[in-house]
């Protein structure tokens, strides 16, 4: 076999081509990593959208709380004034 094909080809035929095997494994690993990166990117995009939505909701809720606090403060002030008026009348 060595005489017919040479030492390098004979070894590769008997034991396999290690370089080709390593290259194939490397390509498989790269494909797997690309798939993981693709899923990670999609997850990151979804998380960014969710964060934007939550931030927007947070701003709206802060505005509503501020409005409620302002109205409550006004009502308490009016109630206090009414009590004062009631005391004056009594």
C-alpha atoms as a PDB file:
ATOM      1  CA  UNK A   1       0.000   0.000   0.000  1.00  0.00           C
ATOM      2  CA  UNK A   2       2.837   2.385   0.867  1.00  0.00           C
ATOM      3  CA  UNK A   3       4.585   1.550  -2.367  1.00  0.00           C
ATOM      4  CA  UNK A   4       1.433   2.180  -4.405  1.00  0.00           C
ATOM      5  CA  UNK A   5       0.104   5.286  -2.698  1.00  0.00           C
ATOM      6  CA  UNK A   6       2.973   6.712  -0.707  1.00  0.00           C
ATOM      7  CA  UNK A   7       3.369   6.898   3.043  1.00  0.00           C
ATOM      8  CA  UNK A   8       1.094   9.924   3.625  1.00  0.00           C
ATOM      9  CA  UNK A   9      -1.845   8.600   1.578  1.00  0.00           C
ATOM     10  CA  UNK A  10      -1.458   5.089   2.976  1.00  0.00           C
ATOM     11  CA  UNK A  11      -1.555   6.399   6.575  1.00  0.00           C
ATOM     12  CA  UNK A  12      -4.606   8.547   5.794  1.00  0.00           C
ATOM     13  CA  UNK A  13      -6.389   5.618   4.201  1.00  0.00           C
ATOM     14  CA  UNK A  14      -5.704   3.300   7.133  1.00  0.00           C
ATOM     15  CA  UNK A  15      -6.080   5.735  10.028  1.00  0.00           C
ATOM     16  CA  UNK A  16      -8.139   8.467   8.434  1.00  0.00           C
ATOM     17  CA  UNK A  17      -7.271  12.052   7.591  1.00  0.00           C
ATOM     18  CA  UNK A  18      -6.946  13.791  10.955  1.00  0.00           C
ATOM     19  CA  UNK A  19      -6.846  17.269   9.380  1.00  0.00           C
ATOM     20  CA  UNK A  20     -10.056  16.636   7.437  1.00  0.00           C
ATOM     21  CA  UNK A  21     -11.707  15.199  10.546  1.00  0.00           C
ATOM     22  CA  UNK A  22     -10.636  18.196  12.656  1.00  0.00           C
ATOM     23  CA  UNK A  23     -11.849  20.586   9.959  1.00  0.00           C
ATOM     24  CA  UNK A  24     -15.216  18.844   9.830  1.00  0.00           C
ATOM     25  CA  UNK A  25     -15.529  18.991  13.620  1.00  0.00           C
ATOM     26  CA  UNK A  26     -14.563  22.666  13.547  1.00  0.00           C
ATOM     27  CA  UNK A  27     -17.230  23.395  10.918  1.00  0.00           C
ATOM     28  CA  UNK A  28     -19.827  21.520  12.987  1.00  0.00           C
ATOM     29  CA  UNK A  29     -18.830  23.543  16.049  1.00  0.00           C
ATOM     30  CA  UNK A  30     -19.058  26.791  14.088  1.00  0.00           C
ATOM     31  CA  UNK A  31     -22.544  25.884  12.835  1.00  0.00           C
ATOM     32  CA  UNK A  32     -23.658  25.036  16.362  1.00  0.00           C
ATOM     33  CA  UNK A  33     -22.223  28.309  17.698  1.00  0.00           C
ATOM     34  CA  UNK A  34     -23.935  30.302  14.949  1.00  0.00           C
ATOM     35  CA  UNK A  35     -27.238  28.701  15.900  1.00  0.00           C
ATOM     36  CA  UNK A  36     -26.681  29.585  19.557  1.00  0.00           C
ATOM     37  CA  UNK A  37     -25.724  33.146  18.634  1.00  0.00           C
ATOM     38  CA  UNK A  38     -28.833  33.441  16.447  1.00  0.00           C
ATOM     39  CA  UNK A  39     -31.093  32.308  19.287  1.00  0.00           C
ATOM     40  CA  UNK A  40     -29.278  34.614  21.696  1.00  0.00           C
ATOM     41  CA  UNK A  41     -29.727  37.571  19.366  1.00  0.00           C
ATOM     42  CA  UNK A  42     -33.440  36.860  18.999  1.00  0.00           C
ATOM     43  CA  UNK A  43     -33.766  36.584  22.770  1.00  0.00           C
ATOM     44  CA  UNK A  44     -31.858  39.843  23.217  1.00  0.00           C
ATOM     45  CA  UNK A  45     -34.144  41.636  20.760  1.00  0.00           C
ATOM     46  CA  UNK A  46     -37.217  40.292  22.583  1.00  0.00           C
ATOM     47  CA  UNK A  47     -35.766  41.391  25.931  1.00  0.00           C
ATOM     48  CA  UNK A  48     -35.037  44.877  24.586  1.00  0.00           C
ATOM     49  CA  UNK A  49     -38.630  45.173  23.357  1.00  0.00           C
ATOM     50  CA  UNK A  50     -39.895  44.011  26.734  1.00  0.00           C
ATOM     51  CA  UNK A  51     -37.644  46.518  28.508  1.00  0.00           C
ATOM     52  CA  UNK A  52     -38.894  49.338  26.279  1.00  0.00           C
ATOM     53  CA  UNK A  53     -42.479  48.336  26.985  1.00  0.00           C
ATOM     54  CA  UNK A  54     -41.871  48.142  30.741  1.00  0.00           C
ATOM     55  CA  UNK A  55     -40.099  51.512  30.703  1.00  0.00           C
ATOM     56  CA  UNK A  56     -43.041  53.060  28.891  1.00  0.00           C
ATOM     57  CA  UNK A  57     -45.494  51.494  31.338  1.00  0.00           C
ATOM     58  CA  UNK A  58     -43.376  52.772  34.219  1.00  0.00           C
ATOM     59  CA  UNK A  59     -43.518  56.344  32.888  1.00  0.00           C
ATOM     60  CA  UNK A  60     -47.300  56.114  32.494  1.00  0.00           C
ATOM     61  CA  UNK A  61     -47.707  54.734  36.003  1.00  0.00           C
ATOM     62  CA  UNK A  62     -45.503  57.480  37.459  1.00  0.00           C
ATOM     63  CA  UNK A  63     -47.667  60.074  35.727  1.00  0.00           C
ATOM     64  CA  UNK A  64     -50.841  58.485  37.071  1.00  0.00           C
ATOM     65  CA  UNK A  65     -49.441  58.324  40.611  1.00  0.00           C
ATOM     66  CA  UNK A  66     -48.413  61.987  40.405  1.00  0.00           C
ATOM     67  CA  UNK A  67     -51.903  62.930  39.199  1.00  0.00           C
ATOM     68  CA  UNK A  68     -53.537  60.902  41.980  1.00  0.00           C
ATOM     69  CA  UNK A  69     -51.244  62.433  44.600  1.00  0.00           C
ATOM     70  CA  UNK A  70     -52.060  65.923  43.334  1.00  0.00           C
ATOM     71  CA  UNK A  71     -55.803  65.259  43.391  1.00  0.00           C
ATOM     72  CA  UNK A  72     -55.596  63.690  46.846  1.00  0.00           C
ATOM     73  CA  UNK A  73     -53.622  66.630  48.147  1.00  0.00           C
ATOM     74  CA  UNK A  74     -56.257  69.005  46.751  1.00  0.00           C
ATOM     75  CA  UNK A  75     -59.085  67.004  48.312  1.00  0.00           C
ATOM     76  CA  UNK A  76     -57.353  66.947  51.688  1.00  0.00           C
ATOM     77  CA  UNK A  77     -56.835  70.694  51.484  1.00  0.00           C
ATOM     78  CA  UNK A  78     -60.506  71.281  50.643  1.00  0.00           C
ATOM     79  CA  UNK A  79     -61.570  68.977  53.454  1.00  0.00           C
ATOM     80  CA  UNK A  80     -59.380  70.895  55.880  1.00  0.00           C
ATOM     81  CA  UNK A  81     -60.919  74.155  54.726  1.00  0.00           C
ATOM     82  CA  UNK A  82     -64.413  72.746  55.136  1.00  0.00           C
ATOM     83  CA  UNK A  83     -63.635  71.685  58.710  1.00  0.00           C
ATOM     84  CA  UNK A  84     -62.403  75.173  59.457  1.00  0.00           C
ATOM     85  CA  UNK A  85     -65.547  76.666  57.997  1.00  0.00           C
ATOM     86  CA  UNK A  86     -67.698  74.254  59.987  1.00  0.00           C
ATOM     87  CA  UNK A  87     -65.904  75.247  63.197  1.00  0.00           C
ATOM     88  CA  UNK A  88     -66.438  78.923  62.432  1.00  0.00           C
ATOM     89  CA  UNK A  89     -70.149  78.360  61.829  1.00  0.00           C
ATOM     90  CA  UNK A  90     -70.604  76.320  64.997  1.00  0.00           C
END
